[in-house]
Amino acid sequence: MRKDVVIVLVALIVVAVGAYIVSQPAAVDVNKVRAYADPITEDILIAMNEGNYTKFSKDMDVAMKNAMTEPVFQQTVALIKSKVGNYVSKEFSKAELQGNYTVVYYKAKYTGESEVTVKVVFIEAGGKQYVSGLWFDSPKLRS
């Protein structure tokens, strides 16, 4: 059952990313990216600890909100908490441009696992950055 939830979640996130074009990473202004990515990612991870969908989804684009509905959010939070616990902290790893998207990677610490990779995909629209994709990966999450 849990594997089915993970498979559905991954499929929904892939749909949210849509026309995600895999290309060679282009140069990125890390300071500029971190200025928006760090606080948005922090809000997302804290919102997951709190089970707060409104806070979690406030910076997501329409496709991501459609894919990550509140029931899917609640299932995802339950799964992550059961496998790795609550979010504690994060450390920026890298950022890269892929097509129109900026992909930002973090190493996050959870109460039940010390290194969870968090990948957040951003897209700019109307002068604002929106989350268009979100992935979590770790040995415990894969088990």
N, C-alpha and C. Protein backbone atom coordinates (compact mmCIF):
# COMPACT_ATOMS: atom_id res chain seq x y z
N MET A 1 0.83 -1.19 0.00
CA MET A 1 0.00 0.00 0.00
C MET A 1 0.87 1.26 0.00
N ARG A 2 1.90 1.29 0.85
CA ARG A 2 2.75 2.48 0.92
C ARG A 2 3.54 2.68 -0.36
N LYS A 3 3.97 1.59 -0.97
CA LYS A 3 4.68 1.71 -2.24
C LYS A 3 3.76 2.29 -3.29
N ASP A 4 2.48 1.93 -3.26
CA ASP A 4 1.51 2.48 -4.20
C ASP A 4 1.38 3.98 -4.00
N VAL A 5 1.36 4.44 -2.75
CA VAL A 5 1.25 5.86 -2.45
C VAL A 5 2.48 6.58 -2.99
N VAL A 6 3.65 6.01 -2.78
CA VAL A 6 4.88 6.63 -3.28
C VAL A 6 4.87 6.69 -4.80
N ILE A 7 4.45 5.62 -5.45
CA ILE A 7 4.40 5.59 -6.91
C ILE A 7 3.42 6.65 -7.42
N VAL A 8 2.26 6.75 -6.80
CA VAL A 8 1.28 7.75 -7.21
C VAL A 8 1.84 9.15 -6.99
N LEU A 9 2.49 9.37 -5.85
CA LEU A 9 3.06 10.68 -5.55
C LEU A 9 4.12 11.05 -6.58
N VAL A 10 5.00 10.13 -6.89
CA VAL A 10 6.04 10.41 -7.88
C VAL A 10 5.41 10.72 -9.23
N ALA A 11 4.41 9.97 -9.61
CA ALA A 11 3.73 10.22 -10.89
C ALA A 11 3.10 11.61 -10.91
N LEU A 12 2.47 11.99 -9.82
CA LEU A 12 1.84 13.31 -9.75
C LEU A 12 2.87 14.42 -9.83
N ILE A 13 3.97 14.24 -9.17
CA ILE A 13 5.02 15.27 -9.21
C ILE A 13 5.61 15.38 -10.60
N VAL A 14 5.79 14.25 -11.26
CA VAL A 14 6.30 14.27 -12.63
C VAL A 14 5.33 15.04 -13.53
N VAL A 15 4.05 14.82 -13.34
CA VAL A 15 3.05 15.56 -14.12
C VAL A 15 3.16 17.05 -13.82
N ALA A 16 3.38 17.41 -12.55
CA ALA A 16 3.49 18.82 -12.18
C ALA A 16 4.67 19.49 -12.88
N VAL A 17 5.72 18.77 -13.06
CA VAL A 17 6.88 19.33 -13.72
C VAL A 17 6.62 19.46 -15.22
N GLY A 18 5.77 18.59 -15.75
CA GLY A 18 5.32 18.71 -17.13
C GLY A 18 6.42 18.58 -18.16
N ALA A 19 6.72 19.66 -18.83
CA ALA A 19 7.67 19.66 -19.94
C ALA A 19 9.10 19.86 -19.46
N TYR A 20 9.42 19.25 -18.39
CA TYR A 20 10.75 19.36 -17.79
C TYR A 20 11.79 18.86 -18.78
N ILE A 21 12.66 19.73 -19.21
CA ILE A 21 13.64 19.40 -20.23
C ILE A 21 14.98 19.12 -19.57
N VAL A 22 15.49 17.92 -19.80
CA VAL A 22 16.79 17.56 -19.25
C VAL A 22 17.86 18.10 -20.19
N SER A 23 18.70 18.94 -19.63
CA SER A 23 19.77 19.52 -20.43
C SER A 23 21.00 19.66 -19.55
N GLN A 24 22.08 20.07 -20.15
CA GLN A 24 23.29 20.32 -19.38
C GLN A 24 23.01 21.48 -18.44
N PRO A 25 23.40 21.34 -17.16
CA PRO A 25 23.17 22.45 -16.24
C PRO A 25 23.90 23.71 -16.72
N ALA A 26 23.19 24.82 -16.71
CA ALA A 26 23.78 26.10 -17.08
C ALA A 26 24.26 26.81 -15.82
N ALA A 27 25.04 27.86 -16.01
CA ALA A 27 25.53 28.63 -14.87
C ALA A 27 24.35 29.24 -14.12
N VAL A 28 24.46 29.25 -12.83
CA VAL A 28 23.37 29.78 -11.99
C VAL A 28 23.98 30.72 -10.95
N ASP A 29 23.28 31.80 -10.67
CA ASP A 29 23.68 32.73 -9.61
C ASP A 29 23.19 32.15 -8.29
N VAL A 30 24.06 31.43 -7.61
CA VAL A 30 23.68 30.71 -6.40
C VAL A 30 23.11 31.64 -5.33
N ASN A 31 23.70 32.79 -5.14
CA ASN A 31 23.19 33.72 -4.12
C ASN A 31 21.78 34.19 -4.44
N LYS A 32 21.53 34.48 -5.70
CA LYS A 32 20.19 34.91 -6.12
C LYS A 32 19.18 33.78 -5.92
N VAL A 33 19.54 32.58 -6.31
CA VAL A 33 18.65 31.42 -6.15
C VAL A 33 18.38 31.15 -4.68
N ARG A 34 19.41 31.15 -3.88
CA ARG A 34 19.22 30.86 -2.45
C ARG A 34 18.37 31.91 -1.75
N ALA A 35 18.38 33.14 -2.26
CA ALA A 35 17.58 34.21 -1.64
C ALA A 35 16.10 33.87 -1.63
N TYR A 36 15.62 33.16 -2.65
CA TYR A 36 14.21 32.74 -2.64
C TYR A 36 14.05 31.26 -2.28
N ALA A 37 14.98 30.42 -2.72
CA ALA A 37 14.81 28.97 -2.52
C ALA A 37 14.94 28.56 -1.06
N ASP A 38 15.89 29.12 -0.34
CA ASP A 38 16.08 28.72 1.07
C ASP A 38 14.84 28.98 1.92
N PRO A 39 14.28 30.20 1.90
CA PRO A 39 13.09 30.42 2.75
C PRO A 39 11.86 29.65 2.29
N ILE A 40 11.66 29.52 0.98
CA ILE A 40 10.50 28.76 0.50
C ILE A 40 10.62 27.30 0.90
N THR A 41 11.81 26.73 0.73
CA THR A 41 12.02 25.33 1.10
C THR A 41 11.84 25.14 2.59
N GLU A 42 12.36 26.05 3.38
CA GLU A 42 12.21 25.97 4.84
C GLU A 42 10.73 25.98 5.21
N ASP A 43 9.96 26.89 4.60
CA ASP A 43 8.51 26.95 4.88
C ASP A 43 7.83 25.62 4.53
N ILE A 44 8.20 25.03 3.40
CA ILE A 44 7.61 23.76 2.98
C ILE A 44 7.91 22.67 4.00
N LEU A 45 9.16 22.57 4.42
CA LEU A 45 9.55 21.49 5.33
C LEU A 45 8.93 21.67 6.71
N ILE A 46 8.86 22.90 7.18
CA ILE A 46 8.21 23.17 8.47
C ILE A 46 6.71 22.90 8.37
N ALA A 47 6.11 23.30 7.26
CA ALA A 47 4.67 23.06 7.06
C ALA A 47 4.38 21.56 7.07
N MET A 48 5.28 20.76 6.54
CA MET A 48 5.09 19.31 6.56
C MET A 48 5.15 18.81 8.00
N ASN A 49 6.08 19.32 8.81
CA ASN A 49 6.12 18.95 10.23
C ASN A 49 4.78 19.27 10.90
N GLU A 50 4.23 20.43 10.56
CA GLU A 50 3.01 20.92 11.19
C GLU A 50 1.73 20.33 10.57
N GLY A 51 1.87 19.67 9.43
CA GLY A 51 0.69 19.17 8.72
C GLY A 51 -0.16 20.31 8.18
N ASN A 52 0.48 21.44 7.84
CA ASN A 52 -0.21 22.65 7.43
C ASN A 52 -0.19 22.77 5.90
N TYR A 53 -1.24 22.33 5.25
CA TYR A 53 -1.30 22.34 3.79
C TYR A 53 -1.28 23.75 3.22
N THR A 54 -1.97 24.67 3.85
CA THR A 54 -2.03 26.05 3.35
C THR A 54 -0.62 26.64 3.28
N LYS A 55 0.13 26.49 4.34
CA LYS A 55 1.51 26.99 4.37
C LYS A 55 2.39 26.22 3.37
N PHE A 56 2.19 24.93 3.29
CA PHE A 56 2.96 24.07 2.39
C PHE A 56 2.78 24.49 0.94
N SER A 57 1.57 24.79 0.53
CA SER A 57 1.25 25.01 -0.88
C SER A 57 1.27 26.46 -1.33
N LYS A 58 1.55 27.39 -0.44
CA LYS A 58 1.40 28.81 -0.77
C LYS A 58 2.32 29.29 -1.89
N ASP A 59 3.47 28.66 -2.10
CA ASP A 59 4.41 29.08 -3.14
C ASP A 59 4.46 28.11 -4.32
N MET A 60 3.43 27.29 -4.47
CA MET A 60 3.43 26.29 -5.55
C MET A 60 2.66 26.81 -6.76
N ASP A 61 3.12 26.38 -7.93
CA ASP A 61 2.40 26.76 -9.15
C ASP A 61 1.10 25.95 -9.24
N VAL A 62 0.26 26.33 -10.17
CA VAL A 62 -1.07 25.71 -10.29
C VAL A 62 -0.96 24.21 -10.54
N ALA A 63 -0.06 23.81 -11.43
CA ALA A 63 0.08 22.38 -11.73
C ALA A 63 0.50 21.59 -10.49
N MET A 64 1.39 22.16 -9.70
CA MET A 64 1.85 21.48 -8.49
C MET A 64 0.72 21.39 -7.46
N LYS A 65 -0.06 22.46 -7.33
CA LYS A 65 -1.20 22.42 -6.40
C LYS A 65 -2.23 21.39 -6.85
N ASN A 66 -2.42 21.29 -8.16
CA ASN A 66 -3.37 20.30 -8.68
C ASN A 66 -2.87 18.87 -8.43
N ALA A 67 -1.57 18.67 -8.52
CA ALA A 67 -0.99 17.35 -8.29
C ALA A 67 -0.90 17.02 -6.80
N MET A 68 -0.54 18.01 -6.00
CA MET A 68 -0.36 17.80 -4.57
C MET A 68 -1.54 18.40 -3.82
N THR A 69 -2.66 17.71 -3.92
CA THR A 69 -3.87 18.13 -3.21
C THR A 69 -3.68 17.90 -1.71
N GLU A 70 -4.59 18.41 -0.92
CA GLU A 70 -4.46 18.23 0.52
C GLU A 70 -4.47 16.76 0.94
N PRO A 71 -5.33 15.90 0.38
CA PRO A 71 -5.27 14.49 0.77
C PRO A 71 -3.93 13.84 0.39
N VAL A 72 -3.39 14.18 -0.77
CA VAL A 72 -2.08 13.63 -1.17
C VAL A 72 -1.00 14.16 -0.23
N PHE A 73 -1.08 15.43 0.13
CA PHE A 73 -0.15 16.03 1.08
C PHE A 73 -0.18 15.27 2.41
N GLN A 74 -1.38 15.00 2.93
CA GLN A 74 -1.50 14.31 4.21
C GLN A 74 -0.90 12.91 4.14
N GLN A 75 -1.13 12.19 3.03
CA GLN A 75 -0.54 10.86 2.85
C GLN A 75 0.98 10.94 2.77
N THR A 76 1.47 11.93 2.05
CA THR A 76 2.91 12.10 1.89
C THR A 76 3.57 12.41 3.23
N VAL A 77 2.98 13.31 3.98
CA VAL A 77 3.51 13.67 5.30
C VAL A 77 3.54 12.45 6.21
N ALA A 78 2.46 11.68 6.22
CA ALA A 78 2.40 10.48 7.06
C ALA A 78 3.49 9.49 6.67
N LEU A 79 3.69 9.30 5.39
CA LEU A 79 4.72 8.38 4.91
C LEU A 79 6.11 8.86 5.30
N ILE A 80 6.41 10.13 5.06
CA ILE A 80 7.73 10.66 5.39
C ILE A 80 7.98 10.59 6.89
N LYS A 81 7.00 10.98 7.69
CA LYS A 81 7.17 10.92 9.15
C LYS A 81 7.37 9.49 9.64
N SER A 82 6.68 8.54 9.03
CA SER A 82 6.81 7.15 9.46
C SER A 82 8.18 6.57 9.12
N LYS A 83 8.80 7.08 8.07
CA LYS A 83 10.09 6.54 7.63
C LYS A 83 11.29 7.30 8.19
N VAL A 84 11.22 8.65 8.21
CA VAL A 84 12.39 9.42 8.62
C VAL A 84 12.12 10.40 9.76
N GLY A 85 10.89 10.50 10.21
CA GLY A 85 10.58 11.38 11.34
C GLY A 85 10.28 12.80 10.90
N ASN A 86 10.55 13.73 11.80
CA ASN A 86 10.29 15.15 11.54
C ASN A 86 11.53 15.85 11.02
N TYR A 87 11.29 16.86 10.22
CA TYR A 87 12.36 17.71 9.69
C TYR A 87 13.03 18.47 10.83
N VAL A 88 14.36 18.54 10.78
CA VAL A 88 15.13 19.26 11.80
C VAL A 88 15.87 20.46 11.18
N SER A 89 16.64 20.21 10.12
CA SER A 89 17.43 21.28 9.51
C SER A 89 17.81 20.89 8.09
N LYS A 90 18.33 21.86 7.34
CA LYS A 90 18.76 21.59 5.97
C LYS A 90 20.05 22.33 5.69
N GLU A 91 20.77 21.82 4.70
CA GLU A 91 22.00 22.45 4.24
C GLU A 91 21.95 22.50 2.71
N PHE A 92 22.20 23.68 2.16
CA PHE A 92 22.22 23.83 0.70
C PHE A 92 23.30 22.94 0.12
N SER A 93 22.98 22.27 -0.97
CA SER A 93 23.94 21.41 -1.65
C SER A 93 24.38 22.01 -2.98
N LYS A 94 23.40 22.24 -3.88
CA LYS A 94 23.72 22.83 -5.18
C LYS A 94 22.45 23.32 -5.85
N ALA A 95 22.66 24.13 -6.90
CA ALA A 95 21.55 24.60 -7.72
C ALA A 95 22.00 24.55 -9.17
N GLU A 96 21.05 24.23 -10.05
CA GLU A 96 21.37 24.17 -11.47
C GLU A 96 20.15 24.58 -12.28
N LEU A 97 20.42 25.10 -13.47
CA LEU A 97 19.35 25.44 -14.40
C LEU A 97 19.15 24.28 -15.35
N GLN A 98 17.89 23.92 -15.55
CA GLN A 98 17.54 22.89 -16.52
C GLN A 98 16.34 23.41 -17.30
N GLY A 99 16.63 23.87 -18.51
CA GLY A 99 15.57 24.49 -19.30
C GLY A 99 15.09 25.74 -18.60
N ASN A 100 13.79 25.87 -18.42
CA ASN A 100 13.20 27.03 -17.74
C ASN A 100 13.13 26.86 -16.23
N TYR A 101 13.65 25.77 -15.74
CA TYR A 101 13.53 25.43 -14.32
C TYR A 101 14.86 25.62 -13.59
N THR A 102 14.76 25.98 -12.32
CA THR A 102 15.92 26.02 -11.43
C THR A 102 15.73 24.89 -10.44
N VAL A 103 16.69 23.99 -10.39
CA VAL A 103 16.61 22.83 -9.51
C VAL A 103 17.58 23.05 -8.35
N VAL A 104 17.05 22.97 -7.14
CA VAL A 104 17.85 23.23 -5.94
C VAL A 104 17.84 21.98 -5.07
N TYR A 105 19.04 21.59 -4.63
CA TYR A 105 19.21 20.38 -3.82
C TYR A 105 19.66 20.77 -2.41
N TYR A 106 19.08 20.08 -1.44
CA TYR A 106 19.45 20.25 -0.04
C TYR A 106 19.72 18.90 0.59
N LYS A 107 20.59 18.90 1.59
CA LYS A 107 20.76 17.75 2.47
C LYS A 107 20.03 18.11 3.74
N ALA A 108 18.97 17.38 4.02
CA ALA A 108 18.14 17.69 5.19
C ALA A 108 18.34 16.64 6.27
N LYS A 109 18.26 17.11 7.50
CA LYS A 109 18.35 16.22 8.66
C LYS A 109 16.94 16.06 9.23
N TYR A 110 16.58 14.80 9.47
CA TYR A 110 15.30 14.46 10.09
C TYR A 110 15.59 13.73 11.39
N THR A 111 14.60 13.64 12.25
CA THR A 111 14.82 12.99 13.55
C THR A 111 15.19 11.53 13.41
N GLY A 112 14.77 10.88 12.31
CA GLY A 112 15.05 9.46 12.14
C GLY A 112 16.07 9.15 11.06
N GLU A 113 16.62 10.17 10.42
CA GLU A 113 17.64 9.95 9.39
C GLU A 113 18.42 11.24 9.20
N SER A 114 19.74 11.10 9.18
CA SER A 114 20.59 12.30 9.20
C SER A 114 20.81 12.94 7.83
N GLU A 115 20.53 12.23 6.75
CA GLU A 115 20.74 12.83 5.44
C GLU A 115 19.65 12.41 4.45
N VAL A 116 18.71 13.32 4.25
CA VAL A 116 17.64 13.12 3.29
C VAL A 116 17.85 14.16 2.19
N THR A 117 17.91 13.72 0.96
CA THR A 117 18.04 14.66 -0.15
C THR A 117 16.67 15.25 -0.46
N VAL A 118 16.62 16.57 -0.48
CA VAL A 118 15.40 17.28 -0.84
C VAL A 118 15.71 18.04 -2.13
N LYS A 119 14.93 17.79 -3.15
CA LYS A 119 15.10 18.42 -4.46
C LYS A 119 13.86 19.26 -4.72
N VAL A 120 14.07 20.57 -4.92
CA VAL A 120 12.96 21.48 -5.16
C VAL A 120 13.16 22.13 -6.52
N VAL A 121 12.13 22.07 -7.36
CA VAL A 121 12.19 22.65 -8.70
C VAL A 121 11.36 23.92 -8.70
N PHE A 122 11.98 25.00 -9.16
CA PHE A 122 11.33 26.31 -9.22
C PHE A 122 11.15 26.76 -10.66
N ILE A 123 10.09 27.52 -10.88
CA ILE A 123 9.88 28.17 -12.17
C ILE A 123 9.42 29.59 -11.89
N GLU A 124 9.88 30.50 -12.74
CA GLU A 124 9.52 31.91 -12.58
C GLU A 124 8.30 32.21 -13.44
N ALA A 125 7.35 32.93 -12.86
CA ALA A 125 6.16 33.36 -13.60
C ALA A 125 5.72 34.71 -13.04
N GLY A 126 5.60 35.67 -13.91
CA GLY A 126 5.15 36.99 -13.46
C GLY A 126 6.08 37.63 -12.45
N GLY A 127 7.37 37.36 -12.56
CA GLY A 127 8.34 37.97 -11.65
C GLY A 127 8.44 37.29 -10.29
N LYS A 128 7.75 36.18 -10.10
CA LYS A 128 7.78 35.45 -8.82
C LYS A 128 8.21 34.01 -9.07
N GLN A 129 8.91 33.45 -8.10
CA GLN A 129 9.34 32.06 -8.18
C GLN A 129 8.29 31.15 -7.54
N TYR A 130 7.96 30.08 -8.24
CA TYR A 130 6.99 29.11 -7.75
C TYR A 130 7.61 27.71 -7.72
N VAL A 131 7.18 26.91 -6.77
CA VAL A 131 7.62 25.52 -6.70
C VAL A 131 6.81 24.73 -7.73
N SER A 132 7.56 24.00 -8.58
CA SER A 132 6.93 23.22 -9.63
C SER A 132 7.20 21.73 -9.47
N GLY A 133 8.05 21.37 -8.53
CA GLY A 133 8.35 19.97 -8.26
C GLY A 133 9.03 19.83 -6.92
N LEU A 134 8.83 18.68 -6.28
CA LEU A 134 9.39 18.44 -4.95
C LEU A 134 9.63 16.95 -4.78
N TRP A 135 10.86 16.58 -4.46
CA TRP A 135 11.23 15.18 -4.26
C TRP A 135 12.00 15.01 -2.97
N PHE A 136 11.84 13.84 -2.37
CA PHE A 136 12.60 13.45 -1.18
C PHE A 136 13.24 12.10 -1.47
N ASP A 137 14.49 11.93 -1.04
CA ASP A 137 15.17 10.67 -1.26
C ASP A 137 16.11 10.37 -0.11
N SER A 138 16.13 9.11 0.31
CA SER A 138 17.06 8.63 1.33
C SER A 138 16.93 7.11 1.35
N PRO A 139 17.90 6.44 1.96
CA PRO A 139 17.80 4.98 2.06
C PRO A 139 16.50 4.52 2.74
N LYS A 140 16.12 5.16 3.83
CA LYS A 140 14.90 4.75 4.53
C LYS A 140 13.64 5.03 3.70
N LEU A 141 13.63 6.11 2.95
CA LEU A 141 12.46 6.41 2.11
C LEU A 141 12.34 5.45 0.95
N ARG A 142 13.46 4.91 0.51
CA ARG A 142 13.44 3.94 -0.59
C ARG A 142 13.06 2.53 -0.10
N SER A 143 13.14 2.29 1.19
CA SER A 143 12.85 0.93 1.71
C SER A 143 11.38 0.69 1.92
